C-alpha atoms as a PDB file:
ATOM      1  CA  UNK A   1       4.083 -18.466  -0.185  1.00  0.00           C
ATOM      2  CA  UNK A   2       5.182 -14.875   0.395  1.00  0.00           C
ATOM      3  CA  UNK A   3       3.714 -12.789  -2.373  1.00  0.00           C
ATOM      4  CA  UNK A   4       2.863  -9.257  -3.366  1.00  0.00           C
ATOM      5  CA  UNK A   5      -0.470  -8.902  -1.591  1.00  0.00           C
ATOM      6  CA  UNK A   6       0.874  -7.317   1.523  1.00  0.00           C
ATOM      7  CA  UNK A   7       0.694  -3.699   2.526  1.00  0.00           C
ATOM      8  CA  UNK A   8      -0.800  -1.300   5.003  1.00  0.00           C
ATOM      9  CA  UNK A   9      -4.395  -1.970   3.962  1.00  0.00           C
ATOM     10  CA  UNK A  10      -4.060  -5.725   4.440  1.00  0.00           C
ATOM     11  CA  UNK A  11      -2.048  -5.544   7.659  1.00  0.00           C
ATOM     12  CA  UNK A  12      -4.035  -2.760   9.308  1.00  0.00           C
ATOM     13  CA  UNK A  13      -7.279  -4.703   8.951  1.00  0.00           C
ATOM     14  CA  UNK A  14      -5.730  -7.953  10.167  1.00  0.00           C
ATOM     15  CA  UNK A  15      -4.157  -6.397  13.281  1.00  0.00           C
ATOM     16  CA  UNK A  16      -6.905  -3.874  14.007  1.00  0.00           C
ATOM     17  CA  UNK A  17      -7.465  -3.279  17.722  1.00  0.00           C
ATOM     18  CA  UNK A  18      -4.197  -4.825  18.874  1.00  0.00           C
ATOM     19  CA  UNK A  19      -1.355  -3.132  20.741  1.00  0.00           C
ATOM     20  CA  UNK A  20       1.168  -2.580  17.954  1.00  0.00           C
ATOM     21  CA  UNK A  21       4.066  -1.918  20.320  1.00  0.00           C
ATOM     22  CA  UNK A  22       3.412  -5.173  22.189  1.00  0.00           C
ATOM     23  CA  UNK A  23       3.158  -7.097  18.920  1.00  0.00           C
ATOM     24  CA  UNK A  24       6.468  -5.741  17.708  1.00  0.00           C
ATOM     25  CA  UNK A  25       8.160  -6.566  21.030  1.00  0.00           C
ATOM     26  CA  UNK A  26       6.954 -10.148  20.677  1.00  0.00           C
ATOM     27  CA  UNK A  27       8.738 -10.284  17.318  1.00  0.00           C
ATOM     28  CA  UNK A  28      12.117  -9.303  18.729  1.00  0.00           C
ATOM     29  CA  UNK A  29      14.872 -11.901  18.568  1.00  0.00           C
ATOM     30  CA  UNK A  30      16.404 -13.197  21.756  1.00  0.00           C
ATOM     31  CA  UNK A  31      19.363 -11.399  23.255  1.00  0.00           C
ATOM     32  CA  UNK A  32      22.822 -12.527  22.256  1.00  0.00           C
ATOM     33  CA  UNK A  33      25.011 -13.980  25.035  1.00  0.00           C
ATOM     34  CA  UNK A  34      26.980 -10.714  25.033  1.00  0.00           C
ATOM     35  CA  UNK A  35      23.814  -8.610  25.399  1.00  0.00           C
ATOM     36  CA  UNK A  36      22.606 -10.896  28.170  1.00  0.00           C
ATOM     37  CA  UNK A  37      25.906 -10.479  30.021  1.00  0.00           C
ATOM     38  CA  UNK A  38      25.418  -6.702  30.043  1.00  0.00           C
ATOM     39  CA  UNK A  39      22.194  -6.966  32.054  1.00  0.00           C
ATOM     40  CA  UNK A  40      22.273  -6.348  35.779  1.00  0.00           C
ATOM     41  CA  UNK A  41      22.175  -9.348  38.086  1.00  0.00           C
ATOM     42  CA  UNK A  42      18.493  -9.008  38.998  1.00  0.00           C
ATOM     43  CA  UNK A  43      17.349  -8.532  35.405  1.00  0.00           C
ATOM     44  CA  UNK A  44      19.543 -11.339  34.142  1.00  0.00           C
ATOM     45  CA  UNK A  45      18.328 -13.801  36.755  1.00  0.00           C
ATOM     46  CA  UNK A  46      14.756 -13.450  35.497  1.00  0.00           C
ATOM     47  CA  UNK A  47      15.633 -13.709  31.816  1.00  0.00           C
ATOM     48  CA  UNK A  48      18.681 -15.902  31.538  1.00  0.00           C
ATOM     49  CA  UNK A  49      16.895 -19.191  30.912  1.00  0.00           C
ATOM     50  CA  UNK A  50      14.445 -17.722  28.397  1.00  0.00           C
ATOM     51  CA  UNK A  51      17.092 -15.793  26.494  1.00  0.00           C
ATOM     52  CA  UNK A  52      19.419 -18.790  26.400  1.00  0.00           C
ATOM     53  CA  UNK A  53      16.555 -20.790  24.901  1.00  0.00           C
ATOM     54  CA  UNK A  54      16.177 -18.225  22.113  1.00  0.00           C
ATOM     55  CA  UNK A  55      19.932 -18.366  21.504  1.00  0.00           C
ATOM     56  CA  UNK A  56      19.677 -22.148  21.032  1.00  0.00           C
ATOM     57  CA  UNK A  57      16.669 -21.694  18.768  1.00  0.00           C
ATOM     58  CA  UNK A  58      18.553 -19.237  16.578  1.00  0.00           C
ATOM     59  CA  UNK A  59      21.611 -21.471  16.449  1.00  0.00           C
ATOM     60  CA  UNK A  60      19.414 -24.374  15.407  1.00  0.00           C
ATOM     61  CA  UNK A  61      17.867 -22.388  12.568  1.00  0.00           C
ATOM     62  CA  UNK A  62      21.323 -21.302  11.393  1.00  0.00           C
ATOM     63  CA  UNK A  63      22.492 -24.918  11.282  1.00  0.00           C
ATOM     64  CA  UNK A  64      19.319 -25.916   9.477  1.00  0.00           C
ATOM     65  CA  UNK A  65      19.472 -23.329   6.733  1.00  0.00           C
ATOM     66  CA  UNK A  66      23.227 -23.830   6.311  1.00  0.00           C
ATOM     67  CA  UNK A  67      22.506 -27.483   5.592  1.00  0.00           C
ATOM     68  CA  UNK A  68      19.798 -26.477   3.118  1.00  0.00           C
ATOM     69  CA  UNK A  69      22.146 -24.039   1.370  1.00  0.00           C
ATOM     70  CA  UNK A  70      24.552 -26.886   0.698  1.00  0.00           C
ATOM     71  CA  UNK A  71      21.851 -28.543  -1.402  1.00  0.00           C
ATOM     72  CA  UNK A  72      21.838 -25.717  -3.943  1.00  0.00           C
ATOM     73  CA  UNK A  73      24.928 -27.030  -5.696  1.00  0.00           C
ATOM     74  CA  UNK A  74      23.516 -30.565  -5.821  1.00  0.00           C
ATOM     75  CA  UNK A  75      20.327 -30.039  -7.843  1.00  0.00           C
ATOM     76  CA  UNK A  76      19.779 -29.488 -11.588  1.00  0.00           C
ATOM     77  CA  UNK A  77      19.826 -25.960 -12.971  1.00  0.00           C
ATOM     78  CA  UNK A  78      16.268 -26.483 -14.236  1.00  0.00           C
ATOM     79  CA  UNK A  79      15.088 -27.036 -10.670  1.00  0.00           C
ATOM     80  CA  UNK A  80      16.870 -23.894  -9.526  1.00  0.00           C
ATOM     81  CA  UNK A  81      15.139 -21.908 -12.290  1.00  0.00           C
ATOM     82  CA  UNK A  82      11.776 -23.073 -10.967  1.00  0.00           C
ATOM     83  CA  UNK A  83      12.897 -22.179  -7.463  1.00  0.00           C
ATOM     84  CA  UNK A  84      13.794 -18.643  -8.565  1.00  0.00           C
ATOM     85  CA  UNK A  85      10.500 -18.093 -10.369  1.00  0.00           C
ATOM     86  CA  UNK A  86       7.717 -15.884  -9.025  1.00  0.00           C
ATOM     87  CA  UNK A  87       5.306 -17.391 -11.562  1.00  0.00           C
ATOM     88  CA  UNK A  88       4.135 -20.917 -10.610  1.00  0.00           C
ATOM     89  CA  UNK A  89       3.455 -21.617 -14.280  1.00  0.00           C
ATOM     90  CA  UNK A  90       6.934 -21.135 -15.698  1.00  0.00           C
ATOM     91  CA  UNK A  91      10.580 -21.157 -14.580  1.00  0.00           C
ATOM     92  CA  UNK A  92      12.699 -18.044 -14.213  1.00  0.00           C
ATOM     93  CA  UNK A  93      15.325 -17.397 -16.910  1.00  0.00           C
ATOM     94  CA  UNK A  94      18.117 -17.440 -14.329  1.00  0.00           C
ATOM     95  CA  UNK A  95      18.622 -20.086 -11.617  1.00  0.00           C
ATOM     96  CA  UNK A  96      18.294 -19.395  -7.910  1.00  0.00           C
ATOM     97  CA  UNK A  97      21.650 -18.591  -6.323  1.00  0.00           C
ATOM     98  CA  UNK A  98      23.100 -17.989  -2.906  1.00  0.00           C
ATOM     99  CA  UNK A  99      23.432 -14.345  -1.993  1.00  0.00           C
ATOM    100  CA  UNK A 100      27.059 -13.415  -2.429  1.00  0.00           C
ATOM    101  CA  UNK A 101      27.400 -11.173   0.625  1.00  0.00           C
ATOM    102  CA  UNK A 102      27.443 -12.938   3.974  1.00  0.00           C
ATOM    103  CA  UNK A 103      26.019  -9.792   5.575  1.00  0.00           C
ATOM    104  CA  UNK A 104      22.950  -9.969   3.341  1.00  0.00           C
ATOM    105  CA  UNK A 105      22.392 -13.644   4.101  1.00  0.00           C
ATOM    106  CA  UNK A 106      22.691 -12.953   7.827  1.00  0.00           C
ATOM    107  CA  UNK A 107      20.095 -10.196   7.621  1.00  0.00           C
ATOM    108  CA  UNK A 108      17.740 -12.532   5.765  1.00  0.00           C
ATOM    109  CA  UNK A 109      18.244 -15.306   8.307  1.00  0.00           C
ATOM    110  CA  UNK A 110      17.524 -12.885  11.142  1.00  0.00           C
ATOM    111  CA  UNK A 111      13.933 -12.390   9.940  1.00  0.00           C
ATOM    112  CA  UNK A 112      13.288 -16.110  10.196  1.00  0.00           C
ATOM    113  CA  UNK A 113      14.912 -16.293  13.632  1.00  0.00           C
ATOM    114  CA  UNK A 114      12.512 -13.548  14.700  1.00  0.00           C
ATOM    115  CA  UNK A 115       9.617 -15.569  13.311  1.00  0.00           C
ATOM    116  CA  UNK A 116      10.591 -18.613  15.344  1.00  0.00           C
ATOM    117  CA  UNK A 117      10.972 -16.553  18.534  1.00  0.00           C
ATOM    118  CA  UNK A 118       7.582 -14.961  17.872  1.00  0.00           C
ATOM    119  CA  UNK A 119       5.930 -18.363  17.482  1.00  0.00           C
ATOM    120  CA  UNK A 120       7.512 -19.739  20.659  1.00  0.00           C
ATOM    121  CA  UNK A 121       6.207 -16.709  22.560  1.00  0.00           C
ATOM    122  CA  UNK A 122       2.770 -17.341  21.040  1.00  0.00           C
ATOM    123  CA  UNK A 123       2.982 -20.957  22.199  1.00  0.00           C
ATOM    124  CA  UNK A 124       3.551 -19.768  25.748  1.00  0.00           C
ATOM    125  CA  UNK A 125       0.305 -17.808  25.594  1.00  0.00           C
ATOM    126  CA  UNK A 126      -1.598 -20.895  24.512  1.00  0.00           C
ATOM    127  CA  UNK A 127      -3.288 -21.457  21.167  1.00  0.00           C
ATOM    128  CA  UNK A 128      -6.564 -19.726  22.001  1.00  0.00           C
ATOM    129  CA  UNK A 129      -4.975 -16.812  23.863  1.00  0.00           C
ATOM    130  CA  UNK A 130      -2.462 -16.246  21.065  1.00  0.00           C
ATOM    131  CA  UNK A 131      -5.269 -16.019  18.537  1.00  0.00           C
ATOM    132  CA  UNK A 132      -7.146 -13.522  20.708  1.00  0.00           C
ATOM    133  CA  UNK A 133      -4.210 -11.333  21.740  1.00  0.00           C
ATOM    134  CA  UNK A 134      -2.074 -11.511  18.595  1.00  0.00           C
ATOM    135  CA  UNK A 135      -4.410 -12.789  15.867  1.00  0.00           C
ATOM    136  CA  UNK A 136      -1.960 -15.566  15.021  1.00  0.00           C
ATOM    137  CA  UNK A 137      -3.536 -18.809  13.862  1.00  0.00           C
ATOM    138  CA  UNK A 138      -1.850 -22.156  13.431  1.00  0.00           C
ATOM    139  CA  UNK A 139      -3.241 -25.275  11.815  1.00  0.00           C
ATOM    140  CA  UNK A 140      -3.342 -28.500  13.817  1.00  0.00           C
ATOM    141  CA  UNK A 141      -0.201 -29.713  12.037  1.00  0.00           C
ATOM    142  CA  UNK A 142       1.617 -26.445  12.686  1.00  0.00           C
ATOM    143  CA  UNK A 143       0.628 -26.408  16.336  1.00  0.00           C
ATOM    144  CA  UNK A 144       1.835 -29.988  16.803  1.00  0.00           C
ATOM    145  CA  UNK A 145       5.128 -29.126  15.102  1.00  0.00           C
ATOM    146  CA  UNK A 146       5.491 -26.105  17.392  1.00  0.00           C
ATOM    147  CA  UNK A 147       4.750 -28.211  20.484  1.00  0.00           C
ATOM    148  CA  UNK A 148       7.441 -30.682  19.419  1.00  0.00           C
ATOM    149  CA  UNK A 149       9.893 -27.843  18.788  1.00  0.00           C
ATOM    150  CA  UNK A 150       9.328 -26.327  22.236  1.00  0.00           C
ATOM    151  CA  UNK A 151       9.622 -29.762  23.857  1.00  0.00           C
ATOM    152  CA  UNK A 152      13.036 -30.197  22.236  1.00  0.00           C
ATOM    153  CA  UNK A 153      14.110 -26.735  23.396  1.00  0.00           C
ATOM    154  CA  UNK A 154      13.005 -27.505  26.952  1.00  0.00           C
ATOM    155  CA  UNK A 155      14.808 -30.838  26.917  1.00  0.00           C
ATOM    156  CA  UNK A 156      17.921 -29.114  25.626  1.00  0.00           C
ATOM    157  CA  UNK A 157      17.731 -26.578  28.454  1.00  0.00           C
ATOM    158  CA  UNK A 158      17.395 -29.218  31.172  1.00  0.00           C
ATOM    159  CA  UNK A 159      20.362 -31.140  29.788  1.00  0.00           C
ATOM    160  CA  UNK A 160      22.547 -28.035  29.651  1.00  0.00           C
ATOM    161  CA  UNK A 161      21.910 -26.814  33.158  1.00  0.00           C
ATOM    162  CA  UNK A 162      19.130 -24.255  32.781  1.00  0.00           C
ATOM    163  CA  UNK A 163      20.101 -21.013  31.121  1.00  0.00           C
ATOM    164  CA  UNK A 164      23.778 -21.720  30.566  1.00  0.00           C
ATOM    165  CA  UNK A 165      24.725 -21.669  26.885  1.00  0.00           C
ATOM    166  CA  UNK A 166      27.381 -24.310  26.284  1.00  0.00           C
ATOM    167  CA  UNK A 167      28.358 -26.461  23.305  1.00  0.00           C
ATOM    168  CA  UNK A 168      25.584 -28.947  22.693  1.00  0.00           C
ATOM    169  CA  UNK A 169      25.292 -32.680  22.348  1.00  0.00           C
ATOM    170  CA  UNK A 170      25.272 -33.555  18.635  1.00  0.00           C
ATOM    171  CA  UNK A 171      22.342 -35.963  18.919  1.00  0.00           C
ATOM    172  CA  UNK A 172      20.217 -33.412  20.806  1.00  0.00           C
ATOM    173  CA  UNK A 173      21.162 -30.704  18.332  1.00  0.00           C
ATOM    174  CA  UNK A 174      20.161 -32.897  15.399  1.00  0.00           C
ATOM    175  CA  UNK A 175      16.812 -33.653  17.026  1.00  0.00           C
ATOM    176  CA  UNK A 176      16.152 -29.954  17.655  1.00  0.00           C
ATOM    177  CA  UNK A 177      17.230 -29.056  14.112  1.00  0.00           C
ATOM    178  CA  UNK A 178      14.841 -31.638  12.665  1.00  0.00           C
ATOM    179  CA  UNK A 179      11.943 -30.184  14.656  1.00  0.00           C
ATOM    180  CA  UNK A 180      12.819 -26.627  13.677  1.00  0.00           C
ATOM    181  CA  UNK A 181      12.911 -27.705  10.037  1.00  0.00           C
ATOM    182  CA  UNK A 182       9.559 -29.492  10.323  1.00  0.00           C
ATOM    183  CA  UNK A 183       7.911 -26.394  11.775  1.00  0.00           C
ATOM    184  CA  UNK A 184       9.425 -24.164   9.087  1.00  0.00           C
ATOM    185  CA  UNK A 185       8.187 -26.430   6.304  1.00  0.00           C
ATOM    186  CA  UNK A 186       4.723 -26.682   7.868  1.00  0.00           C
ATOM    187  CA  UNK A 187       4.617 -22.880   7.836  1.00  0.00           C
ATOM    188  CA  UNK A 188       5.505 -22.807   4.143  1.00  0.00           C
ATOM    189  CA  UNK A 189       3.385 -25.639   2.750  1.00  0.00           C
ATOM    190  CA  UNK A 190       0.000 -24.542   4.088  1.00  0.00           C
ATOM    191  CA  UNK A 191      -2.439 -23.708   1.291  1.00  0.00           C
ATOM    192  CA  UNK A 192      -4.276 -20.397   1.748  1.00  0.00           C
ATOM    193  CA  UNK A 193      -6.754 -19.115  -0.828  1.00  0.00           C
ATOM    194  CA  UNK A 194      -8.936 -16.365   0.648  1.00  0.00           C
ATOM    195  CA  UNK A 195      -7.650 -15.370   4.086  1.00  0.00           C
ATOM    196  CA  UNK A 196      -3.873 -15.201   3.744  1.00  0.00           C
ATOM    197  CA  UNK A 197      -3.405 -14.439   7.427  1.00  0.00           C
ATOM    198  CA  UNK A 198      -4.596 -17.903   8.388  1.00  0.00           C
ATOM    199  CA  UNK A 199      -0.957 -18.756   7.778  1.00  0.00           C
ATOM    200  CA  UNK A 200       1.322 -17.842  10.712  1.00  0.00           C
ATOM    201  CA  UNK A 201       4.248 -16.781   8.522  1.00  0.00           C
ATOM    202  CA  UNK A 202       2.078 -14.451   6.445  1.00  0.00           C
ATOM    203  CA  UNK A 203       0.617 -13.140   9.705  1.00  0.00           C
ATOM    204  CA  UNK A 204       4.188 -12.451  10.800  1.00  0.00           C
ATOM    205  CA  UNK A 205       4.828 -10.340   7.700  1.00  0.00           C
ATOM    206  CA  UNK A 206       2.102  -8.039   9.009  1.00  0.00           C
ATOM    207  CA  UNK A 207       3.858  -7.803  12.376  1.00  0.00           C
ATOM    208  CA  UNK A 208       7.162  -6.944  10.706  1.00  0.00           C
ATOM    209  CA  UNK A 209       5.403  -4.123   8.850  1.00  0.00           C
ATOM    210  CA  UNK A 210       5.262  -2.296  12.197  1.00  0.00           C
ATOM    211  CA  UNK A 211       8.053   0.214  12.823  1.00  0.00           C
ATOM    212  CA  UNK A 212       9.511  -0.874  16.210  1.00  0.00           C
ATOM    213  CA  UNK A 213      10.604   2.654  17.120  1.00  0.00           C
ATOM    214  CA  UNK A 214       7.265   4.378  16.462  1.00  0.00           C
ATOM    215  CA  UNK A 215       4.796   1.473  16.762  1.00  0.00           C
ATOM    216  CA  UNK A 216       3.292   2.641  13.481  1.00  0.00           C
ATOM    217  CA  UNK A 217       3.230   1.225   9.985  1.00  0.00           C
ATOM    218  CA  UNK A 218       6.449   1.313   8.002  1.00  0.00           C
ATOM    219  CA  UNK A 219       6.484   2.917   4.566  1.00  0.00           C
ATOM    220  CA  UNK A 220       6.167   0.323   1.767  1.00  0.00           C
ATOM    221  CA  UNK A 221       9.660   1.097   0.514  1.00  0.00           C
ATOM    222  CA  UNK A 222      11.117   0.207   3.915  1.00  0.00           C
ATOM    223  CA  UNK A 223       9.400  -3.176   3.908  1.00  0.00           C
ATOM    224  CA  UNK A 224      10.410  -4.608   0.535  1.00  0.00           C
ATOM    225  CA  UNK A 225      13.773  -5.880   1.767  1.00  0.00           C
ATOM    226  CA  UNK A 226      12.128  -7.657   4.686  1.00  0.00           C
ATOM    227  CA  UNK A 227       9.785  -9.571   2.395  1.00  0.00           C
ATOM    228  CA  UNK A 228      12.689 -10.374   0.080  1.00  0.00           C
ATOM    229  CA  UNK A 229      14.641 -11.827   2.994  1.00  0.00           C
ATOM    230  CA  UNK A 230      11.769 -13.981   4.206  1.00  0.00           C
ATOM    231  CA  UNK A 231      11.118 -15.191   0.655  1.00  0.00           C
ATOM    232  CA  UNK A 232      14.777 -15.983  -0.016  1.00  0.00           C
ATOM    233  CA  UNK A 233      15.129 -18.150   3.084  1.00  0.00           C
ATOM    234  CA  UNK A 234      11.786 -19.779   2.283  1.00  0.00           C
ATOM    235  CA  UNK A 235      13.081 -20.885  -1.117  1.00  0.00           C
ATOM    236  CA  UNK A 236      16.216 -22.360   0.442  1.00  0.00           C
ATOM    237  CA  UNK A 237      14.174 -24.279   3.013  1.00  0.00           C
ATOM    238  CA  UNK A 238      11.703 -25.550   0.419  1.00  0.00           C
ATOM    239  CA  UNK A 239      14.496 -26.841  -1.778  1.00  0.00           C
ATOM    240  CA  UNK A 240      15.568 -29.203   0.993  1.00  0.00           C
ATOM    241  CA  UNK A 241      11.926 -29.833   1.890  1.00  0.00           C
ATOM    242  CA  UNK A 242      11.372 -31.678  -1.372  1.00  0.00           C
ATOM    243  CA  UNK A 243       8.559 -29.407  -2.538  1.00  0.00           C
ATOM    244  CA  UNK A 244       9.986 -29.107  -6.046  1.00  0.00           C
ATOM    245  CA  UNK A 245      10.330 -32.790  -6.738  1.00  0.00           C
END
């Protein structure tokens, strides 16, 4: 899904005419509970519920990919070689493995948490407005999966007392995790042939190519690790998604 054909030429055309700073802000992850606590009372009152929702979303993704990672030791080595391959016609010589450093895995997960936050913010704009203002497009199946995800987040918020982040109900958490997983897989399994940015995840790679400090394009060398992180998590998710069966 995430390949080599990304770069300034592709992204600059796709996002031409848009406010790059605003796009990059929309891709920011939610605040952590500690960061939220540092806000003043007035600022926190207006953001507490939204930020707590993004915390729950991130926690759900972490549970989801942790479950998927557990599958790696349960599948044949041959399957893992196909999973590691960048060539759809032949397996890689070495099997796909978990990254050894927890810090690296956390950085990779963070890119996907940003993607989910970005899509939820796009949902709040509405499908048509999001396409106009951010050039993000979602298929009917992806939009339905996103609607279901947001519904589960909203239900979780109402059951937890608004913005308060407290330990969740296992059944609600499992329902949210299932919807997060469904949306992730719908993002990965879409077939794109000509216009790669019809896919929301590939669109998001263009957004992450923006330097948040300067609102300008990042140098290609600064972007390689980001793509590697998105691709690594994608492989883990697809393994549990049954795409290699």
